[in-house]
Amino acid sequence: MGHKNIKIEPIDRLKGFLNYCDQLNKHPFVAKHKNGFKFKYTERFVFDESGADSIEANFDEIHLESLLTRVRQFISEKEMFHYEAVFKAVEMLFGHDQELKEFFTVLDKKLNQPFEAGNIQVIKMEKGSGKILIAGRTLKDLVEARLYSGQIHSERLIKPEPGSVIEDFSGNDKILSNHLNLELAGASLNTVGNIWRFRNNIILAARRTNKIDICRELEEVNERAKKNDL
């Protein structure tokens, strides 16, 4: 849910973000795959009269889509925990911290960096020519495309703009959908890792500026961090 027109106090945004980080650790997709996993689809051939061949994933696609809704809360400008809004809230609470600013700059660049072309290009044929679908798109673009065309978010509330990433993936092409899932499965876990690194850098900034006691949530996460040698 977006919060574009609702005024949120900086301390409430910080508290909410710290709780959001804790909840990510409990998400079933993260809990199962955060220590490393090779995502893939396997084609299963059936040699009988039914001819019901199928392509099966070695991960839960519904759990992935659910995780993407959480990731969108961090990368979409309209969301409460958008990384830039959280950074500005922390600056208002702690004052300027150069090391946190430097981390934010790197994070901002990484989140807006277009996907590179991998070994397999995902191409959609349009009017006799091929259109590359994943390379050159940002994480936010691809997350929106997945959520718009996914199984959880089945209601189509908007009409995709011609040529948009949402239109490109809004059909029923299962191969395109599978490739998008594979790209986002790894990317979503990488983003969760960056979310936790952002939280850790906020903790370190709070220590440097003597702001740990600004709220109970920060005190608690700081105690846990110390036990983990942060």
Foldseek 3Di string as FASTA:
>chain_A
DFDQPPDDALVRLLLVLLVLLVVLCVQPLCVVDLVHDQKDKDWAADPDPVRPIDIHIPGDLVSLLVLLVSLCLQPPPRHSNPPVSNVVSLCVQQNDDVVLVVLSVVVVCQQADADADDPDFDWDDDPRDTDGQRGPHGPNQLSVLCNQQDDVNPDNPDDDDPPGSNVVNNDDDVVSNRVSSSVSSVVSSVSSVSSVVSVVVSLVSCVVRVNQVVDPSSVVVNVVVVVVVD
